[in-house]
Structure formats: C-alpha cells, structure tokens
C-alpha cells in the first residue's frame, strides 16, 4: 500500500505472504520481517480440486522472492483449525528435540510443520504445493490409466464379504461369537481377493518410477521417504492418530516430505486417548513394497527407534509442553462436542480443572509409548534393541488387523 507521507510515513508497504512466522517455520531465529517475501499479486487462475470428499480451491500468491506460494482454501469448523495449529506447534516442539540429539541428527531426521492460516470462523488457508500428492491421488491416476472404475475395488470387497458370509451361513443361526468369527473370515477372504485381483501392491512403486530419471534419484527419494514415514508412523502411534485413509497420507514428490494433514487425536467418550485401534499406524502393502525389505530394516526401523529415543531423552523438558497442548486440545474437543457452549472464562477454567486427570493420563500414555519405541539398551538374549518397533510393524502389516479397519482405509 502506498504511504501518505509526512508524519504518517512515506513509501509503500506490501502485505507479507502468510505462513512465515513460528510455528509454521522450523527456524528458531528471531523473525526478520524485512526479509520476508512480500505479496506482489495473485495468480490469474484458481484451481478446483477434491480433497477428503470436499471441493477446495487452490490459489497462488506470487511473492517478491520470485516463488509462487500455493494455498488451499478450505471450509472447516473452528476446532479443526485450532487442532491443525496445535499440530504445527507439536511438530516444531518435537523437531527441536530431534535437532538436539546426535542419534537423530546423524540420520537427518526432521519434522516440518504445515502452515494453517485462519481467515474466517469456518474458512482457512493451508499451505500446499503442487508437488504434494496423496495415496488417493496415486490410486486415482492408476485407475484412469488402466481404465478402471475408482470404486471398483471397494464395491468388490463389499460384494465378496457379503457373498462369502452368506455362503457360510447356510440358513443356520449361531451365537454372537460365531457370527463375529464368520464375518472376520469373510473379510479376510475378500481382502485376499482384492489384493490378488483389484489392487496391486506395486502401484506406488510404479508411479514413482515414472517420476525419476535415474536410479540414484529414486534411491535417495526412497531413503528419505522411509525415514519420513517412520517419523509420521511414530507420531500416529504415540498420539493415537489412526484415521490415516489414503487421502490423508500426503507426501512431497520433490523431497519426500510426508505431511500430517488433519492430525487429530482420537478420544473415547470419557475424554481419554482412544488406544483401542486395530493398527498402530498406516503401513499398507503399497507403502511397504515401495520402501522395500532392505530399506525397511536399514532405514525405517532405525529411524523410528532413533527418533523415539531422541524425544524420550528430552522427556523432562517436553512434559510441561505436552501438558499444555493436551489440555488445550481436550478442552477444544469437549467444547466442540458439548451442547452447552457458554464460552466464558470461568466455565473454561472450571472445565480445565475437571479434565486435569484425563490430561495427566493422556500425557502419561504418550510418554509411555515413546519409551516403548525407544532403543532398549537392557536387551535380553531373545530380543533386539528395536524389538518394540518390530512388533508394531508386524501389527501394522497384519491382514487380520487391516480388515478390521474401515473400508475406506484401502489395502
């Protein structure tokens, strides 16, 4: 904007491109607004795409640094926006722990928050480059190339489960336990047929093969993707964030950065973190095959155990911050679910006192899961130092656990 001169100042002032302050950036340095990118103009085109069954608009801000900063305009309830802001704070907090420890620095483990800028009560901007792609996008591209219907695998799974269950009923009733076992067998058989006939385990690997020009770039991307997926998996398990459907597993095709969109804690009806999940984190067949067995053992497992050890080493300094984050999150969750939203300061303080025991138990669960994944130096003759991570991987890749997830979880 142009200045007025005189006592009101001269020259001109341009608005900054959003998302250049903490916690949206990983640097701990003092902000220098004079060095921040200024908004020059907007791109002339607005893209409309679908994300999580919602139409979103992508806008581009051309900055003074010569870059085009991409943002998604999304409609969201206030609780979601505040949760995403706390997720950015959590990523920055854990990223500082990774930077302090030698075990994580040697493996180049890093966490980068995603900028979320609230515009109105139910409208926000989320930083997302065009190079970001989700597993759902990869599968949609595969279906388009092969000429298959996107919903074919889902409909096939539902039909096979129903037909297998009906064929084993044979007109006879049974107790509830037998019915549950019959439904479980039907799902496992349908899952096996979907994996064999409908959804190949090499979709992600073949898609990334076409993106790189040589094997060196592919291997470097594979290594970084494995370590980033390990960090993301650790956060999913530690904070019980298991709603990782394909549309919420997003990574950057340039640097293999795995993002954490809509990273929300799962609470039970009593306000405790819901730990009764079938799988600890998302590690489906396509992700497992793209990483490969050697990188899985050499990069993924060591990165997850090293990150847990680095964060666990800073447990004493980390616990007060986790108390605040968990307290704010559970209060926001309770107010979003409660029919009485007085919003007064007194009622909020009273609510914090009522939920204090739940906050302590939730933080204790988070810290105990970090200790579980950390490197165990007191190993026995029949265990390994990273035995906790290996057990979680076996649970995450088990077909019996995968079929217990919702149908949109996808194989």
Protein backbone atom coordinates (compact mmCIF):
# COMPACT_ATOMS: atom_id res chain seq x y z
CA UNK A 1 0.00 0.00 0.00
CA UNK A 2 1.24 3.47 -0.76
CA UNK A 3 2.14 5.68 2.20
CA UNK A 4 0.71 9.13 2.83
CA UNK A 5 4.00 10.88 3.53
CA UNK A 6 4.61 13.45 6.27
CA UNK A 7 4.04 12.32 9.83
CA UNK A 8 2.24 9.17 8.63
CA UNK A 9 5.31 7.81 6.85
CA UNK A 10 6.23 7.67 3.20
CA UNK A 11 7.00 4.99 0.65
CA UNK A 12 4.87 1.89 0.37
CA UNK A 13 4.07 -1.21 2.40
CA UNK A 14 3.17 -4.60 0.96
CA UNK A 15 1.45 -7.41 2.88
CA UNK A 16 3.58 -10.45 3.59
CA UNK A 17 2.90 -13.89 2.21
CA UNK A 18 1.25 -15.84 5.09
CA UNK A 19 2.98 -18.64 6.96
CA UNK A 20 6.45 -17.14 7.56
CA UNK A 21 6.36 -16.98 11.37
CA UNK A 22 6.63 -19.63 14.10
CA UNK A 23 5.42 -22.30 14.43
CA UNK A 24 4.99 -22.54 10.66
CA UNK A 25 8.76 -22.40 10.07
CA UNK A 26 11.38 -24.65 11.60
CA UNK A 27 13.89 -21.93 12.41
CA UNK A 28 14.39 -20.64 15.95
CA UNK A 29 15.89 -17.37 14.81
CA UNK A 30 14.29 -14.03 15.52
CA UNK A 31 11.86 -13.11 12.72
CA UNK A 32 13.13 -10.56 10.20
CA UNK A 33 10.02 -9.10 8.54
CA UNK A 34 12.14 -7.04 6.18
CA UNK A 35 13.50 -10.27 4.69
CA UNK A 36 10.12 -11.99 4.35
CA UNK A 37 8.55 -12.48 0.97
CA UNK A 38 6.01 -9.76 0.15
CA UNK A 39 2.85 -10.34 -1.84
CA UNK A 40 3.16 -8.95 -5.35
CA UNK A 41 -0.01 -10.30 -6.90
CA UNK A 42 -2.25 -13.35 -7.13
CA UNK A 43 -2.17 -15.88 -9.94
CA UNK A 44 -4.86 -15.32 -12.52
CA UNK A 45 -6.22 -18.87 -12.33
CA UNK A 46 -7.88 -20.67 -9.41
CA UNK A 47 -7.80 -24.47 -9.46
CA UNK A 48 -10.66 -26.52 -8.03
CA UNK A 49 -9.85 -30.00 -6.76
CA UNK A 50 -11.36 -32.60 -4.46
CA UNK A 51 -9.74 -33.39 -1.12
CA UNK A 52 -11.38 -35.63 1.51
CA UNK A 53 -14.74 -35.54 -0.33
CA UNK A 54 -14.64 -31.74 -0.27
CA UNK A 55 -14.13 -29.31 -3.12
CA UNK A 56 -11.24 -26.97 -2.33
CA UNK A 57 -9.76 -24.08 -4.26
CA UNK A 58 -6.05 -23.62 -4.80
CA UNK A 59 -4.74 -20.07 -5.11
CA UNK A 60 -1.23 -18.92 -5.87
CA UNK A 61 0.47 -15.90 -4.30
CA UNK A 62 3.39 -14.53 -6.29
CA UNK A 63 5.96 -13.26 -3.81
CA UNK A 64 8.85 -10.84 -4.04
CA UNK A 65 11.23 -13.81 -3.75
CA UNK A 66 10.16 -14.99 -7.21
CA UNK A 67 8.27 -18.03 -5.92
CA UNK A 68 4.61 -18.89 -6.26
CA UNK A 69 3.26 -19.79 -2.81
CA UNK A 70 0.35 -22.23 -3.12
CA UNK A 71 -2.53 -22.33 -0.63
CA UNK A 72 -5.73 -24.34 -0.37
CA UNK A 73 -8.91 -22.54 0.68
CA UNK A 74 -10.85 -24.95 2.87
CA UNK A 75 -14.06 -24.82 4.84
CA UNK A 76 -13.54 -26.23 8.34
CA UNK A 77 -15.06 -25.95 11.78
CA UNK A 78 -13.03 -23.89 14.29
CA UNK A 79 -11.99 -26.98 16.26
CA UNK A 80 -10.24 -28.44 13.19
CA UNK A 81 -8.35 -25.22 12.50
CA UNK A 82 -7.17 -24.90 16.12
CA UNK A 83 -6.15 -28.55 16.12
CA UNK A 84 -4.03 -28.02 12.99
CA UNK A 85 -2.36 -25.05 14.67
CA UNK A 86 -1.53 -27.22 17.70
CA UNK A 87 -0.18 -29.87 15.32
CA UNK A 88 2.21 -27.28 13.88
CA UNK A 89 3.33 -26.40 17.40
CA UNK A 90 3.79 -30.09 18.21
CA UNK A 91 5.87 -30.66 15.07
CA UNK A 92 8.12 -27.73 15.95
CA UNK A 93 8.46 -28.93 19.55
CA UNK A 94 9.42 -32.47 18.55
CA UNK A 95 11.63 -31.16 15.74
CA UNK A 96 13.72 -29.26 18.28
CA UNK A 97 14.21 -32.50 20.24
CA UNK A 98 15.43 -34.23 17.08
CA UNK A 99 17.89 -31.42 16.39
CA UNK A 100 19.41 -31.65 19.87
CA UNK A 101 20.28 -35.36 19.82
CA UNK A 102 23.20 -36.84 17.88
CA UNK A 103 21.40 -40.10 17.06
CA UNK A 104 18.66 -38.32 15.13
CA UNK A 105 20.93 -35.69 13.56
CA UNK A 106 23.19 -38.35 12.07
CA UNK A 107 20.17 -39.85 10.30
CA UNK A 108 18.93 -36.44 9.09
CA UNK A 109 15.57 -36.78 10.84
CA UNK A 110 13.48 -33.63 10.69
CA UNK A 111 9.90 -32.51 11.12
CA UNK A 112 8.46 -29.57 9.23
CA UNK A 113 5.10 -28.05 10.20
CA UNK A 114 2.42 -27.14 7.69
CA UNK A 115 1.20 -23.55 7.75
CA UNK A 116 -2.51 -23.17 8.56
CA UNK A 117 -3.88 -19.62 8.47
CA UNK A 118 -7.44 -18.96 9.72
CA UNK A 119 -9.28 -16.39 7.58
CA UNK A 120 -12.80 -16.54 8.98
CA UNK A 121 -14.59 -18.66 11.56
CA UNK A 122 -15.11 -21.51 9.11
CA UNK A 123 -12.56 -20.71 6.42
CA UNK A 124 -8.82 -21.29 6.46
CA UNK A 125 -5.80 -21.40 4.17
CA UNK A 126 -3.44 -24.39 4.19
CA UNK A 127 -0.03 -24.23 2.55
CA UNK A 128 0.21 -26.98 -0.06
CA UNK A 129 2.45 -27.03 -3.11
CA UNK A 130 1.51 -28.59 -6.43
CA UNK A 131 4.14 -31.25 -5.84
CA UNK A 132 2.12 -32.64 -2.92
CA UNK A 133 0.27 -35.84 -3.75
CA UNK A 134 -1.73 -38.30 -1.69
CA UNK A 135 -2.06 -42.06 -1.95
CA UNK A 136 -5.63 -41.49 -3.06
CA UNK A 137 -4.38 -39.36 -5.97
CA UNK A 138 -1.87 -42.04 -6.94
CA UNK A 139 -4.59 -44.69 -6.98
CA UNK A 140 -6.95 -42.43 -8.96
CA UNK A 141 -4.23 -41.85 -11.58
CA UNK A 142 -3.62 -45.61 -11.77
CA UNK A 143 -7.34 -46.30 -12.28
CA UNK A 144 -7.52 -43.65 -15.02
CA UNK A 145 -4.51 -45.11 -16.87
CA UNK A 146 -5.83 -48.67 -16.58
CA UNK A 147 -9.38 -47.65 -17.47
CA UNK A 148 -10.81 -49.00 -14.22
CA UNK A 149 -13.57 -47.57 -12.08
CA UNK A 150 -12.27 -45.87 -8.94
CA UNK A 151 -14.92 -47.55 -6.74
CA UNK A 152 -14.47 -50.99 -8.29
CA UNK A 153 -12.21 -52.35 -5.53
CA UNK A 154 -14.47 -51.03 -2.76
CA UNK A 155 -17.62 -52.49 -4.35
CA UNK A 156 -15.81 -55.79 -4.99
CA UNK A 157 -14.75 -56.01 -1.34
CA UNK A 158 -18.28 -55.36 -0.10
CA UNK A 159 -19.78 -57.89 -2.51
CA UNK A 160 -17.24 -60.63 -1.74
CA UNK A 161 -17.64 -60.13 2.02
CA UNK A 162 -21.40 -60.40 1.73
CA UNK A 163 -21.40 -63.43 -0.57
CA UNK A 164 -18.79 -65.34 1.46
CA UNK A 165 -20.68 -64.65 4.68
CA UNK A 166 -23.98 -65.76 3.16
CA UNK A 167 -22.47 -68.94 1.69
CA UNK A 168 -21.16 -69.97 5.11
CA UNK A 169 -24.41 -69.22 6.91
CA UNK A 170 -26.29 -71.97 5.01
CA UNK A 171 -29.50 -70.92 6.69
CA UNK A 172 -28.29 -71.69 10.21
CA UNK A 173 -28.21 -69.28 13.05
CA UNK A 174 -25.49 -69.01 15.65
CA UNK A 175 -24.35 -67.22 18.72
CA UNK A 176 -22.83 -63.76 18.55
CA UNK A 177 -19.24 -65.05 18.84
CA UNK A 178 -19.68 -67.40 15.89
CA UNK A 179 -21.25 -64.61 13.84
CA UNK A 180 -18.29 -62.35 14.58
CA UNK A 181 -15.80 -65.05 13.58
CA UNK A 182 -17.75 -65.74 10.39
CA UNK A 183 -17.73 -62.05 9.48
CA UNK A 184 -13.99 -61.86 10.21
CA UNK A 185 -13.26 -64.82 7.93
CA UNK A 186 -15.41 -63.28 5.21
CA UNK A 187 -13.49 -60.01 5.39
CA UNK A 188 -10.11 -61.74 5.30
CA UNK A 189 -11.11 -63.79 2.26
CA UNK A 190 -12.46 -60.69 0.50
CA UNK A 191 -9.29 -58.78 1.38
CA UNK A 192 -7.15 -61.55 -0.11
CA UNK A 193 -9.13 -61.49 -3.37
CA UNK A 194 -8.95 -57.69 -3.61
CA UNK A 195 -5.17 -57.82 -3.18
CA UNK A 196 -4.86 -60.50 -5.85
CA UNK A 197 -7.28 -59.18 -8.47
CA UNK A 198 -8.03 -55.49 -7.91
CA UNK A 199 -5.34 -53.54 -6.04
CA UNK A 200 -1.73 -54.36 -6.83
CA UNK A 201 0.97 -53.78 -4.23
CA UNK A 202 3.21 -52.10 -6.82
CA UNK A 203 1.01 -49.08 -7.69
CA UNK A 204 3.02 -46.58 -5.65
CA UNK A 205 6.38 -48.01 -6.75
CA UNK A 206 5.44 -47.91 -10.44
CA UNK A 207 4.12 -44.36 -10.10
CA UNK A 208 7.36 -43.12 -8.54
CA UNK A 209 9.44 -44.99 -11.15
CA UNK A 210 7.96 -42.79 -13.84
CA UNK A 211 8.81 -39.63 -11.88
CA UNK A 212 12.60 -40.07 -11.63
CA UNK A 213 15.11 -40.13 -14.45
CA UNK A 214 17.74 -42.39 -12.88
CA UNK A 215 18.16 -44.92 -10.11
CA UNK A 216 20.21 -42.58 -7.90
CA UNK A 217 17.37 -40.09 -7.57
CA UNK A 218 14.93 -42.92 -6.93
CA UNK A 219 17.11 -44.44 -4.18
CA UNK A 220 17.67 -41.09 -2.48
CA UNK A 221 13.94 -40.39 -2.53
CA UNK A 222 13.26 -43.89 -1.19
CA UNK A 223 15.63 -43.40 1.74
CA UNK A 224 14.15 -40.02 2.68
CA UNK A 225 10.60 -41.31 2.23
CA UNK A 226 11.33 -44.24 4.56
CA UNK A 227 12.70 -42.01 7.34
CA UNK A 228 9.86 -39.50 6.95
CA UNK A 229 7.25 -42.28 7.01
CA UNK A 230 8.92 -43.66 10.14
CA UNK A 231 8.58 -40.27 11.87
CA UNK A 232 4.98 -39.95 10.76
CA UNK A 233 4.24 -43.51 11.93
CA UNK A 234 5.79 -42.75 15.32
CA UNK A 235 3.52 -39.74 15.76
CA UNK A 236 0.48 -41.74 14.64
CA UNK A 237 1.16 -44.44 17.22
CA UNK A 238 2.25 -42.11 20.03
CA UNK A 239 -0.78 -39.82 19.81
CA UNK A 240 -3.26 -42.48 18.63
CA UNK A 241 -3.96 -40.82 15.29
CA UNK A 242 -5.11 -43.77 13.21
CA UNK A 243 -7.60 -42.24 10.79
CA UNK A 244 -4.95 -42.27 8.06
CA UNK A 245 -7.06 -43.03 4.99
CA UNK A 246 -5.32 -42.72 1.58
CA UNK A 247 -6.46 -39.12 1.09
CA UNK A 248 -4.76 -38.11 4.37
CA UNK A 249 -1.40 -39.72 3.56
CA UNK A 250 0.27 -36.90 1.60
CA UNK A 251 3.91 -36.56 0.61
CA UNK A 252 6.00 -34.17 -1.47
CA UNK A 253 7.28 -35.60 -4.75
CA UNK A 254 10.28 -33.24 -4.66
CA UNK A 255 11.85 -34.00 -1.27
CA UNK A 256 9.85 -36.99 0.08
CA UNK A 257 8.46 -34.91 2.97
CA UNK A 258 5.50 -36.80 4.49
CA UNK A 259 2.86 -34.36 5.75
CA UNK A 260 0.36 -34.74 8.57
CA UNK A 261 -2.93 -33.18 7.41
CA UNK A 262 -5.90 -33.33 9.78
CA UNK A 263 -3.69 -34.81 12.51
CA UNK A 264 -6.26 -35.09 15.28
CA UNK A 265 -6.15 -37.13 18.46
CA UNK A 266 -8.72 -39.90 18.86
CA UNK A 267 -10.64 -39.60 22.12
CA UNK A 268 -13.04 -42.01 23.77
CA UNK A 269 -16.37 -40.85 25.14
CA UNK A 270 -14.75 -40.31 28.55
CA UNK A 271 -12.08 -37.97 27.14
CA UNK A 272 -9.15 -40.40 27.24
CA UNK A 273 -6.96 -41.00 24.20
CA UNK A 274 -8.51 -43.95 22.38
CA UNK A 275 -5.82 -46.62 22.21
CA UNK A 276 -8.10 -49.44 21.07
CA UNK A 277 -7.10 -49.38 17.42
CA UNK A 278 -6.56 -52.32 15.12
CA UNK A 279 -3.34 -51.00 13.57
CA UNK A 280 -0.79 -48.68 15.26
CA UNK A 281 -0.09 -46.70 12.06
CA UNK A 282 -0.58 -46.86 8.32
CA UNK A 283 1.87 -49.24 6.65
CA UNK A 284 -0.16 -50.87 3.91
CA UNK A 285 1.13 -53.09 1.10
CA UNK A 286 1.96 -50.30 -1.37
CA UNK A 287 3.97 -48.31 1.18
CA UNK A 288 5.73 -51.45 2.38
CA UNK A 289 6.71 -52.53 -1.14
CA UNK A 290 7.87 -49.07 -2.18
CA UNK A 291 10.14 -48.86 0.85
CA UNK A 292 11.42 -52.40 0.25
CA UNK A 293 12.69 -55.01 2.72
CA UNK A 294 16.29 -53.72 2.91
CA UNK A 295 15.36 -50.06 3.41
CA UNK A 296 12.67 -51.17 5.86
CA UNK A 297 15.24 -52.88 8.07
CA UNK A 298 18.08 -50.44 7.50
CA UNK A 299 16.29 -47.06 7.45
CA UNK A 300 12.68 -47.29 8.63
CA UNK A 301 13.19 -49.27 11.83
CA UNK A 302 16.34 -47.42 12.89
CA UNK A 303 14.82 -44.01 12.10
CA UNK A 304 11.69 -44.74 14.15
CA UNK A 305 13.66 -46.10 17.10
CA UNK A 306 16.22 -43.26 16.96
CA UNK A 307 13.51 -40.59 16.81
CA UNK A 308 11.70 -42.14 19.78
CA UNK A 309 14.97 -42.26 21.73
CA UNK A 310 15.79 -38.63 20.91
CA UNK A 311 12.37 -37.43 22.05
CA UNK A 312 12.43 -39.69 25.10
CA UNK A 313 15.80 -38.23 26.12
CA UNK A 314 14.12 -34.82 26.45
CA UNK A 315 11.12 -36.16 28.36
CA UNK A 316 11.56 -33.90 31.39
CA UNK A 317 11.60 -30.68 29.36
CA UNK A 318 8.95 -31.96 26.96
CA UNK A 319 6.32 -33.00 29.51
CA UNK A 320 5.12 -29.48 30.54
CA UNK A 321 4.61 -28.51 26.90
CA UNK A 322 2.73 -31.74 26.23
CA UNK A 323 0.55 -30.99 29.25
CA UNK A 324 -0.43 -27.63 27.75
CA UNK A 325 -1.03 -29.00 24.26
CA UNK A 326 -3.11 -31.92 25.50
CA UNK A 327 -5.06 -29.66 27.85
CA UNK A 328 -5.94 -27.18 25.09
CA UNK A 329 -6.83 -29.98 22.70
CA UNK A 330 -9.14 -31.87 25.05
CA UNK A 331 -10.87 -28.64 26.13
CA UNK A 332 -11.47 -27.71 22.49
CA UNK A 333 -12.68 -31.25 21.77
CA UNK A 334 -15.06 -31.17 24.72
CA UNK A 335 -16.48 -27.77 23.76
CA UNK A 336 -16.97 -28.92 20.15
CA UNK A 337 -18.93 -31.97 21.36
CA UNK A 338 -20.83 -30.30 24.19
CA UNK A 339 -24.24 -28.77 23.60
CA UNK A 340 -23.53 -26.08 26.23
CA UNK A 341 -21.00 -23.63 24.79
CA UNK A 342 -21.03 -20.75 27.20
CA UNK A 343 -17.51 -19.67 26.25
CA UNK A 344 -16.93 -17.70 29.45
CA UNK A 345 -13.53 -17.63 31.06
CA UNK A 346 -14.89 -19.03 34.29
CA UNK A 347 -16.53 -22.04 32.67
CA UNK A 348 -13.36 -22.78 30.70
CA UNK A 349 -11.21 -22.71 33.84
CA UNK A 350 -13.68 -24.96 35.61
CA UNK A 351 -13.61 -27.33 32.67
CA UNK A 352 -9.81 -27.44 32.77
CA UNK A 353 -9.92 -28.48 36.42
CA UNK A 354 -12.44 -31.22 35.66
CA UNK A 355 -10.35 -32.60 32.81
CA UNK A 356 -6.98 -32.34 34.55
CA UNK A 357 -6.87 -36.04 35.47
CA UNK A 358 -7.60 -37.01 31.87
CA UNK A 359 -4.83 -34.72 30.64
CA UNK A 360 -2.32 -36.36 33.01
CA UNK A 361 -3.31 -39.86 31.92
CA UNK A 362 -3.16 -38.90 28.25
CA UNK A 363 0.32 -37.41 28.63
CA UNK A 364 1.42 -40.49 30.57
CA UNK A 365 0.19 -42.70 27.70
CA UNK A 366 2.05 -40.60 25.13
CA UNK A 367 5.32 -40.77 27.08
CA UNK A 368 4.95 -44.49 27.74
CA UNK A 369 4.51 -45.18 24.02
CA UNK A 370 7.64 -43.16 23.27
CA UNK A 371 9.56 -45.29 25.77
CA UNK A 372 8.13 -48.40 24.15
CA UNK A 373 9.51 -47.41 20.73
CA UNK A 374 12.86 -46.12 22.00
CA UNK A 375 16.05 -48.14 21.79
CA UNK A 376 16.25 -50.59 24.67
CA UNK A 377 19.81 -50.93 25.94
CA UNK A 378 18.87 -53.60 28.51
CA UNK A 379 18.21 -56.28 25.92
CA UNK A 380 17.74 -59.93 26.66
CA UNK A 381 19.21 -62.86 24.74
CA UNK A 382 15.99 -63.39 22.76
CA UNK A 383 15.19 -59.73 21.94
CA UNK A 384 16.74 -56.86 19.99
CA UNK A 385 17.25 -53.20 20.85
CA UNK A 386 14.45 -52.17 18.48
CA UNK A 387 12.11 -55.01 19.37
CA UNK A 388 9.25 -52.60 20.17
CA UNK A 389 9.27 -51.08 16.68
CA UNK A 390 9.43 -54.51 15.02
CA UNK A 391 6.35 -55.66 16.92
CA UNK A 392 4.44 -52.56 15.83
CA UNK A 393 5.38 -53.17 12.19
CA UNK A 394 4.09 -56.74 12.38
CA UNK A 395 0.79 -55.42 13.79
CA UNK A 396 0.51 -52.71 11.14
CA UNK A 397 1.06 -55.14 8.24
CA UNK A 398 -1.10 -57.99 9.54
CA UNK A 399 -4.08 -58.74 7.22
CA UNK A 400 -6.20 -59.67 10.25
CA UNK A 401 -5.73 -56.15 11.63
CA UNK A 402 -6.10 -54.38 8.29
CA UNK A 403 -9.51 -55.92 7.56
CA UNK A 404 -10.74 -54.59 10.93
CA UNK A 405 -10.20 -51.03 9.71
CA UNK A 406 -12.97 -49.13 7.83
CA UNK A 407 -13.45 -49.95 4.16
CA UNK A 408 -12.05 -46.60 3.03
CA UNK A 409 -8.71 -47.46 4.67
CA UNK A 410 -7.90 -49.43 1.49
CA UNK A 411 -5.28 -52.20 1.15
